Amino acid sequence: MKTLTVKINERTKIGKAFIAMFDSFKGFEEIEIIETDYGQVNEERSIYSSEFVEKVKKAEANIKNGETTRLNPDDIWGSLGLK
């Protein structure tokens, strides 16, 4: 089985023709057509590394759970207890 991802500009003449061709295959068991928005397909190909995304998610969870350190911009070292 092969999976293809096709981005179609449905406002153009060729795009409308391509969609009409795809619609003609919707009744067949051998071909499964899954319609998605472009943004949903793009989520798999993030410009950010998976490690960075995990760090951001962990930081968000820590903030939500109140596990944060507040820094005083006038005394950063003192805020960290390193003074």
PDB file of N, CA and C in Angstrom:
ATOM      1  N   MET A   1       0.846  -1.170   0.000  1.00  0.00           N
ATOM      2  CA  MET A   1       0.000   0.000   0.000  1.00  0.00           C
ATOM      3  C   MET A   1       0.893   1.236   0.000  1.00  0.00           C
ATOM      4  N   LYS A   2       0.492   2.257  -0.728  1.00  0.00           N
ATOM      5  CA  LYS A   2       1.254   3.491  -0.835  1.00  0.00           C
ATOM      6  C   LYS A   2       0.368   4.649  -0.377  1.00  0.00           C
ATOM      7  N   THR A   3       0.956   5.583   0.370  1.00  0.00           N
ATOM      8  CA  THR A   3       0.247   6.776   0.818  1.00  0.00           C
ATOM      9  C   THR A   3       0.832   7.979   0.099  1.00  0.00           C
ATOM     10  N   LEU A   4      -0.037   8.793  -0.477  1.00  0.00           N
ATOM     11  CA  LEU A   4       0.395   9.998  -1.171  1.00  0.00           C
ATOM     12  C   LEU A   4      -0.243  11.205  -0.500  1.00  0.00           C
ATOM     13  N   THR A   5       0.516  12.265  -0.364  1.00  0.00           N
ATOM     14  CA  THR A   5      -0.010  13.529   0.138  1.00  0.00           C
ATOM     15  C   THR A   5       0.059  14.523  -1.004  1.00  0.00           C
ATOM     16  N   VAL A   6      -1.091  15.109  -1.338  1.00  0.00           N
ATOM     17  CA  VAL A   6      -1.165  16.016  -2.471  1.00  0.00           C
ATOM     18  C   VAL A   6      -1.746  17.341  -1.992  1.00  0.00           C
ATOM     19  N   LYS A   7      -1.066  18.424  -2.277  1.00  0.00           N
ATOM     20  CA  LYS A   7      -1.563  19.759  -1.963  1.00  0.00           C
ATOM     21  C   LYS A   7      -2.188  20.320  -3.236  1.00  0.00           C
ATOM     22  N   ILE A   8      -3.481  20.643  -3.167  1.00  0.00           N
ATOM     23  CA  ILE A   8      -4.216  21.078  -4.348  1.00  0.00           C
ATOM     24  C   ILE A   8      -4.776  22.473  -4.116  1.00  0.00           C
ATOM     25  N   ASN A   9      -4.526  23.374  -5.044  1.00  0.00           N
ATOM     26  CA  ASN A   9      -5.154  24.686  -5.003  1.00  0.00           C
ATOM     27  C   ASN A   9      -6.522  24.531  -5.658  1.00  0.00           C
ATOM     28  N   GLU A  10      -7.553  24.412  -4.839  1.00  0.00           N
ATOM     29  CA  GLU A  10      -8.889  24.116  -5.342  1.00  0.00           C
ATOM     30  C   GLU A  10      -9.554  25.297  -6.038  1.00  0.00           C
ATOM     31  N   ARG A  11      -8.896  26.431  -6.110  1.00  0.00           N
ATOM     32  CA  ARG A  11      -9.447  27.604  -6.806  1.00  0.00           C
ATOM     33  C   ARG A  11      -9.045  27.653  -8.278  1.00  0.00           C
ATOM     34  N   THR A  12      -8.078  26.820  -8.656  1.00  0.00           N
ATOM     35  CA  THR A  12      -7.622  26.840 -10.047  1.00  0.00           C
ATOM     36  C   THR A  12      -8.386  25.809 -10.867  1.00  0.00           C
ATOM     37  N   LYS A  13      -8.333  25.973 -12.180  1.00  0.00           N
ATOM     38  CA  LYS A  13      -9.038  25.067 -13.090  1.00  0.00           C
ATOM     39  C   LYS A  13      -8.497  23.635 -12.951  1.00  0.00           C
ATOM     40  N   ILE A  14      -7.175  23.499 -12.935  1.00  0.00           N
ATOM     41  CA  ILE A  14      -6.571  22.165 -12.821  1.00  0.00           C
ATOM     42  C   ILE A  14      -6.840  21.562 -11.444  1.00  0.00           C
ATOM     43  N   GLY A  15      -6.852  22.411 -10.419  1.00  0.00           N
ATOM     44  CA  GLY A  15      -7.156  21.925  -9.069  1.00  0.00           C
ATOM     45  C   GLY A  15      -8.570  21.387  -8.972  1.00  0.00           C
ATOM     46  N   LYS A  16      -9.530  22.106  -9.559  1.00  0.00           N
ATOM     47  CA  LYS A  16     -10.922  21.647  -9.564  1.00  0.00           C
ATOM     48  C   LYS A  16     -11.059  20.331 -10.322  1.00  0.00           C
ATOM     49  N   ALA A  17     -10.345  20.199 -11.446  1.00  0.00           N
ATOM     50  CA  ALA A  17     -10.389  18.962 -12.228  1.00  0.00           C
ATOM     51  C   ALA A  17      -9.786  17.799 -11.437  1.00  0.00           C
ATOM     52  N   PHE A  18      -8.707  18.068 -10.730  1.00  0.00           N
ATOM     53  CA  PHE A  18      -8.055  17.025  -9.934  1.00  0.00           C
ATOM     54  C   PHE A  18      -8.978  16.542  -8.816  1.00  0.00           C
ATOM     55  N   ILE A  19      -9.647  17.475  -8.151  1.00  0.00           N
ATOM     56  CA  ILE A  19     -10.577  17.114  -7.081  1.00  0.00           C
ATOM     57  C   ILE A  19     -11.747  16.324  -7.646  1.00  0.00           C
ATOM     58  N   ALA A  20     -12.257  16.709  -8.805  1.00  0.00           N
ATOM     59  CA  ALA A  20     -13.354  15.975  -9.431  1.00  0.00           C
ATOM     60  C   ALA A  20     -12.925  14.544  -9.743  1.00  0.00           C
ATOM     61  N   MET A  21     -11.681  14.372 -10.205  1.00  0.00           N
ATOM     62  CA  MET A  21     -11.181  13.028 -10.485  1.00  0.00           C
ATOM     63  C   MET A  21     -11.100  12.210  -9.193  1.00  0.00           C
ATOM     64  N   PHE A  22     -10.597  12.825  -8.130  1.00  0.00           N
ATOM     65  CA  PHE A  22     -10.517  12.128  -6.847  1.00  0.00           C
ATOM     66  C   PHE A  22     -11.897  11.749  -6.350  1.00  0.00           C
ATOM     67  N   ASP A  23     -12.862  12.648  -6.484  1.00  0.00           N
ATOM     68  CA  ASP A  23     -14.221  12.377  -6.025  1.00  0.00           C
ATOM     69  C   ASP A  23     -14.827  11.177  -6.741  1.00  0.00           C
ATOM     70  N   SER A  24     -14.426  10.935  -7.976  1.00  0.00           N
ATOM     71  CA  SER A  24     -14.965   9.799  -8.722  1.00  0.00           C
ATOM     72  C   SER A  24     -14.469   8.464  -8.165  1.00  0.00           C
ATOM     73  N   PHE A  25     -13.405   8.467  -7.362  1.00  0.00           N
ATOM     74  CA  PHE A  25     -12.864   7.237  -6.784  1.00  0.00           C
ATOM     75  C   PHE A  25     -13.378   6.953  -5.373  1.00  0.00           C
ATOM     76  N   LYS A  26     -14.210   7.801  -4.803  1.00  0.00           N
ATOM     77  CA  LYS A  26     -14.623   7.668  -3.404  1.00  0.00           C
ATOM     78  C   LYS A  26     -15.394   6.390  -3.096  1.00  0.00           C
ATOM     79  N   GLY A  27     -16.064   5.790  -4.056  1.00  0.00           N
ATOM     80  CA  GLY A  27     -16.862   4.596  -3.787  1.00  0.00           C
ATOM     81  C   GLY A  27     -16.095   3.287  -3.801  1.00  0.00           C
ATOM     82  N   PHE A  28     -14.842   3.299  -4.188  1.00  0.00           N
ATOM     83  CA  PHE A  28     -14.060   2.066  -4.324  1.00  0.00           C
ATOM     84  C   PHE A  28     -13.376   1.683  -3.014  1.00  0.00           C
ATOM     85  N   GLU A  29     -13.374   0.386  -2.696  1.00  0.00           N
ATOM     86  CA  GLU A  29     -12.724  -0.108  -1.480  1.00  0.00           C
ATOM     87  C   GLU A  29     -11.200  -0.073  -1.599  1.00  0.00           C
ATOM     88  N   GLU A  30     -10.694  -0.199  -2.814  1.00  0.00           N
ATOM     89  CA  GLU A  30      -9.242  -0.273  -3.027  1.00  0.00           C
ATOM     90  C   GLU A  30      -8.532   1.062  -2.796  1.00  0.00           C
ATOM     91  N   ILE A  31      -9.281   2.155  -2.823  1.00  0.00           N
ATOM     92  CA  ILE A  31      -8.683   3.476  -2.658  1.00  0.00           C
ATOM     93  C   ILE A  31      -9.383   4.188  -1.513  1.00  0.00           C
ATOM     94  N   GLU A  32      -8.598   4.623  -0.535  1.00  0.00           N
ATOM     95  CA  GLU A  32      -9.139   5.382   0.588  1.00  0.00           C
ATOM     96  C   GLU A  32      -8.657   6.819   0.456  1.00  0.00           C
ATOM     97  N   ILE A  33      -9.601   7.749   0.412  1.00  0.00           N
ATOM     98  CA  ILE A  33      -9.264   9.159   0.276  1.00  0.00           C
ATOM     99  C   ILE A  33      -9.557   9.843   1.610  1.00  0.00           C
ATOM    100  N   ILE A  34      -8.527  10.463   2.177  1.00  0.00           N
ATOM    101  CA  ILE A  34      -8.649  11.154   3.461  1.00  0.00           C
ATOM    102  C   ILE A  34      -8.425  12.631   3.201  1.00  0.00           C
ATOM    103  N   GLU A  35      -9.456  13.428   3.436  1.00  0.00           N
ATOM    104  CA  GLU A  35      -9.343  14.864   3.203  1.00  0.00           C
ATOM    105  C   GLU A  35      -8.907  15.551   4.489  1.00  0.00           C
ATOM    106  N   THR A  36      -7.879  16.405   4.395  1.00  0.00           N
ATOM    107  CA  THR A  36      -7.398  17.168   5.546  1.00  0.00           C
ATOM    108  C   THR A  36      -7.116  18.582   5.105  1.00  0.00           C
ATOM    109  N   ASP A  37      -7.019  19.476   6.079  1.00  0.00           N
ATOM    110  CA  ASP A  37      -6.575  20.835   5.791  1.00  0.00           C
ATOM    111  C   ASP A  37      -5.067  20.815   5.676  1.00  0.00           C
ATOM    112  N   TYR A  38      -4.506  21.757   4.935  1.00  0.00           N
ATOM    113  CA  TYR A  38      -3.057  21.813   4.740  1.00  0.00           C
ATOM    114  C   TYR A  38      -2.318  21.929   6.067  1.00  0.00           C
ATOM    115  N   GLY A  39      -2.855  22.705   7.009  1.00  0.00           N
ATOM    116  CA  GLY A  39      -2.206  22.885   8.299  1.00  0.00           C
ATOM    117  C   GLY A  39      -2.064  21.591   9.071  1.00  0.00           C
ATOM    118  N   GLN A  40      -3.038  20.722   8.967  1.00  0.00           N
ATOM    119  CA  GLN A  40      -2.975  19.452   9.677  1.00  0.00           C
ATOM    120  C   GLN A  40      -1.867  18.566   9.124  1.00  0.00           C
ATOM    121  N   VAL A  41      -1.698  18.562   7.833  1.00  0.00           N
ATOM    122  CA  VAL A  41      -0.638  17.752   7.234  1.00  0.00           C
ATOM    123  C   VAL A  41       0.718  18.291   7.640  1.00  0.00           C
ATOM    124  N   ASN A  42       0.827  19.599   7.697  1.00  0.00           N
ATOM    125  CA  ASN A  42       2.092  20.253   8.014  1.00  0.00           C
ATOM    126  C   ASN A  42       2.563  20.018   9.440  1.00  0.00           C
ATOM    127  N   GLU A  43       1.651  19.655  10.351  1.00  0.00           N
ATOM    128  CA  GLU A  43       2.035  19.478  11.739  1.00  0.00           C
ATOM    129  C   GLU A  43       3.116  18.403  11.895  1.00  0.00           C
ATOM    130  N   GLU A  44       3.117  17.409  11.022  1.00  0.00           N
ATOM    131  CA  GLU A  44       4.120  16.355  11.105  1.00  0.00           C
ATOM    132  C   GLU A  44       5.515  16.894  10.805  1.00  0.00           C
ATOM    133  N   ARG A  45       5.615  17.894   9.971  1.00  0.00           N
ATOM    134  CA  ARG A  45       6.908  18.419   9.534  1.00  0.00           C
ATOM    135  C   ARG A  45       7.188  19.758  10.202  1.00  0.00           C
ATOM    136  N   SER A  46       7.408  19.710  11.484  1.00  0.00           N
ATOM    137  CA  SER A  46       7.670  20.932  12.231  1.00  0.00           C
ATOM    138  C   SER A  46       9.080  21.413  11.950  1.00  0.00           C
ATOM    139  N   ILE A  47       9.250  22.723  11.977  1.00  0.00           N
ATOM    140  CA  ILE A  47      10.596  23.271  11.795  1.00  0.00           C
ATOM    141  C   ILE A  47      11.417  23.132  13.070  1.00  0.00           C
ATOM    142  N   TYR A  48      10.758  22.752  14.172  1.00  0.00           N
ATOM    143  CA  TYR A  48      11.430  22.620  15.457  1.00  0.00           C
ATOM    144  C   TYR A  48      11.812  21.162  15.703  1.00  0.00           C
ATOM    145  N   SER A  49      12.945  20.954  16.350  1.00  0.00           N
ATOM    146  CA  SER A  49      13.367  19.599  16.665  1.00  0.00           C
ATOM    147  C   SER A  49      12.455  19.021  17.746  1.00  0.00           C
ATOM    148  N   SER A  50      12.344  17.712  17.785  1.00  0.00           N
ATOM    149  CA  SER A  50      11.473  17.064  18.763  1.00  0.00           C
ATOM    150  C   SER A  50      11.958  17.320  20.190  1.00  0.00           C
ATOM    151  N   GLU A  51      13.282  17.451  20.375  1.00  0.00           N
ATOM    152  CA  GLU A  51      13.814  17.734  21.710  1.00  0.00           C
ATOM    153  C   GLU A  51      13.352  19.112  22.191  1.00  0.00           C
ATOM    154  N   PHE A  52      13.379  20.096  21.300  1.00  0.00           N
ATOM    155  CA  PHE A  52      12.951  21.444  21.654  1.00  0.00           C
ATOM    156  C   PHE A  52      11.464  21.457  22.000  1.00  0.00           C
ATOM    157  N   VAL A  53      10.664  20.774  21.205  1.00  0.00           N
ATOM    158  CA  VAL A  53       9.217  20.715  21.457  1.00  0.00           C
ATOM    159  C   VAL A  53       8.948  20.088  22.819  1.00  0.00           C
ATOM    160  N   GLU A  54       9.676  19.026  23.156  1.00  0.00           N
ATOM    161  CA  GLU A  54       9.501  18.381  24.461  1.00  0.00           C
ATOM    162  C   GLU A  54       9.865  19.328  25.600  1.00  0.00           C
ATOM    163  N   LYS A  55      10.950  20.098  25.443  1.00  0.00           N
ATOM    164  CA  LYS A  55      11.352  21.057  26.477  1.00  0.00           C
ATOM    165  C   LYS A  55      10.289  22.122  26.685  1.00  0.00           C
ATOM    166  N   VAL A  56       9.705  22.609  25.595  1.00  0.00           N
ATOM    167  CA  VAL A  56       8.663  23.627  25.702  1.00  0.00           C
ATOM    168  C   VAL A  56       7.429  23.059  26.389  1.00  0.00           C
ATOM    169  N   LYS A  57       7.046  21.834  26.013  1.00  0.00           N
ATOM    170  CA  LYS A  57       5.875  21.198  26.640  1.00  0.00           C
ATOM    171  C   LYS A  57       6.119  20.974  28.130  1.00  0.00           C
ATOM    172  N   LYS A  58       7.345  20.560  28.494  1.00  0.00           N
ATOM    173  CA  LYS A  58       7.675  20.346  29.896  1.00  0.00           C
ATOM    174  C   LYS A  58       7.622  21.662  30.667  1.00  0.00           C
ATOM    175  N   ALA A  59       8.139  22.728  30.059  1.00  0.00           N
ATOM    176  CA  ALA A  59       8.102  24.041  30.704  1.00  0.00           C
ATOM    177  C   ALA A  59       6.663  24.509  30.901  1.00  0.00           C
ATOM    178  N   GLU A  60       5.806  24.281  29.906  1.00  0.00           N
ATOM    179  CA  GLU A  60       4.395  24.654  30.032  1.00  0.00           C
ATOM    180  C   GLU A  60       3.729  23.881  31.167  1.00  0.00           C
ATOM    181  N   ALA A  61       4.037  22.596  31.277  1.00  0.00           N
ATOM    182  CA  ALA A  61       3.471  21.780  32.351  1.00  0.00           C
ATOM    183  C   ALA A  61       3.966  22.269  33.710  1.00  0.00           C
ATOM    184  N   ASN A  62       5.247  22.611  33.806  1.00  0.00           N
ATOM    185  CA  ASN A  62       5.798  23.127  35.061  1.00  0.00           C
ATOM    186  C   ASN A  62       5.125  24.427  35.472  1.00  0.00           C
ATOM    187  N   ILE A  63       4.900  25.302  34.515  1.00  0.00           N
ATOM    188  CA  ILE A  63       4.232  26.577  34.811  1.00  0.00           C
ATOM    189  C   ILE A  63       2.810  26.312  35.288  1.00  0.00           C
ATOM    190  N   LYS A  64       2.132  25.399  34.611  1.00  0.00           N
ATOM    191  CA  LYS A  64       0.749  25.065  34.971  1.00  0.00           C
ATOM    192  C   LYS A  64       0.676  24.486  36.384  1.00  0.00           C
ATOM    193  N   ASN A  65       1.680  23.712  36.784  1.00  0.00           N
ATOM    194  CA  ASN A  65       1.709  23.083  38.108  1.00  0.00           C
ATOM    195  C   ASN A  65       2.322  23.988  39.173  1.00  0.00           C
ATOM    196  N   GLY A  66       2.714  25.186  38.802  1.00  0.00           N
ATOM    197  CA  GLY A  66       3.309  26.126  39.754  1.00  0.00           C
ATOM    198  C   GLY A  66       4.749  25.827  40.094  1.00  0.00           C
ATOM    199  N   GLU A  67       5.410  25.036  39.294  1.00  0.00           N
ATOM    200  CA  GLU A  67       6.808  24.654  39.541  1.00  0.00           C
ATOM    201  C   GLU A  67       7.734  25.579  38.755  1.00  0.00           C
ATOM    202  N   THR A  68       7.743  26.851  39.126  1.00  0.00           N
ATOM    203  CA  THR A  68       8.575  27.813  38.414  1.00  0.00           C
ATOM    204  C   THR A  68       9.407  28.622  39.401  1.00  0.00           C
ATOM    205  N   THR A  69      10.414  29.272  38.880  1.00  0.00           N
ATOM    206  CA  THR A  69      11.234  30.171  39.678  1.00  0.00           C
ATOM    207  C   THR A  69      11.047  31.570  39.118  1.00  0.00           C
ATOM    208  N   ARG A  70      10.658  32.488  39.980  1.00  0.00           N
ATOM    209  CA  ARG A  70      10.473  33.876  39.545  1.00  0.00           C
ATOM    210  C   ARG A  70      11.791  34.614  39.718  1.00  0.00           C
ATOM    211  N   LEU A  71      12.191  35.295  38.685  1.00  0.00           N
ATOM    212  CA  LEU A  71      13.431  36.061  38.731  1.00  0.00           C
ATOM    213  C   LEU A  71      13.131  37.543  38.873  1.00  0.00           C
ATOM    214  N   ASN A  72      13.892  38.193  39.744  1.00  0.00           N
ATOM    215  CA  ASN A  72      13.812  39.626  39.898  1.00  0.00           C
ATOM    216  C   ASN A  72      14.821  40.216  38.919  1.00  0.00           C
ATOM    217  N   PRO A  73      14.384  40.958  37.911  1.00  0.00           N
ATOM    218  CA  PRO A  73      15.339  41.472  36.918  1.00  0.00           C
ATOM    219  C   PRO A  73      16.387  42.415  37.511  1.00  0.00           C
ATOM    220  N   ASP A  74      16.097  42.988  38.676  1.00  0.00           N
ATOM    221  CA  ASP A  74      17.067  43.875  39.306  1.00  0.00           C
ATOM    222  C   ASP A  74      18.109  43.103  40.112  1.00  0.00           C
ATOM    223  N   ASP A  75      17.801  41.832  40.461  1.00  0.00           N
ATOM    224  CA  ASP A  75      18.717  41.019  41.265  1.00  0.00           C
ATOM    225  C   ASP A  75      18.590  39.549  40.851  1.00  0.00           C
ATOM    226  N   ILE A  76      19.044  39.222  39.654  1.00  0.00           N
ATOM    227  CA  ILE A  76      18.899  37.863  39.122  1.00  0.00           C
ATOM    228  C   ILE A  76      19.643  36.857  39.997  1.00  0.00           C
ATOM    229  N   TRP A  77      20.899  37.144  40.366  1.00  0.00           N
ATOM    230  CA  TRP A  77      21.683  36.193  41.173  1.00  0.00           C
ATOM    231  C   TRP A  77      21.041  35.979  42.535  1.00  0.00           C
ATOM    232  N   GLY A  78      20.505  37.017  43.118  1.00  0.00           N
ATOM    233  CA  GLY A  78      19.823  36.886  44.389  1.00  0.00           C
ATOM    234  C   GLY A  78      18.544  36.068  44.256  1.00  0.00           C
ATOM    235  N   SER A  79      17.832  36.215  43.172  1.00  0.00           N
ATOM    236  CA  SER A  79      16.620  35.443  42.923  1.00  0.00           C
ATOM    237  C   SER A  79      16.915  33.959  42.856  1.00  0.00           C
ATOM    238  N   LEU A  80      18.090  33.611  42.342  1.00  0.00           N
ATOM    239  CA  LEU A  80      18.481  32.207  42.222  1.00  0.00           C
ATOM    240  C   LEU A  80      19.132  31.674  43.490  1.00  0.00           C
ATOM    241  N   GLY A  81      19.334  32.525  44.474  1.00  0.00           N
ATOM    242  CA  GLY A  81      19.965  32.114  45.728  1.00  0.00           C
ATOM    243  C   GLY A  81      21.469  31.949  45.594  1.00  0.00           C
ATOM    244  N   LEU A  82      22.074  32.629  44.650  1.00  0.00           N
ATOM    245  CA  LEU A  82      23.510  32.498  44.408  1.00  0.00           C
ATOM    246  C   LEU A  82      24.295  33.717  44.845  1.00  0.00           C
ATOM    247  N   LYS A  83      23.740  34.504  45.702  1.00  0.00           N
ATOM    248  CA  LYS A  83      24.426  35.718  46.138  1.00  0.00           C
ATOM    249  C   LYS A  83      25.048  35.540  47.485  1.00  0.00           C
TER     250      LYS A  83
END
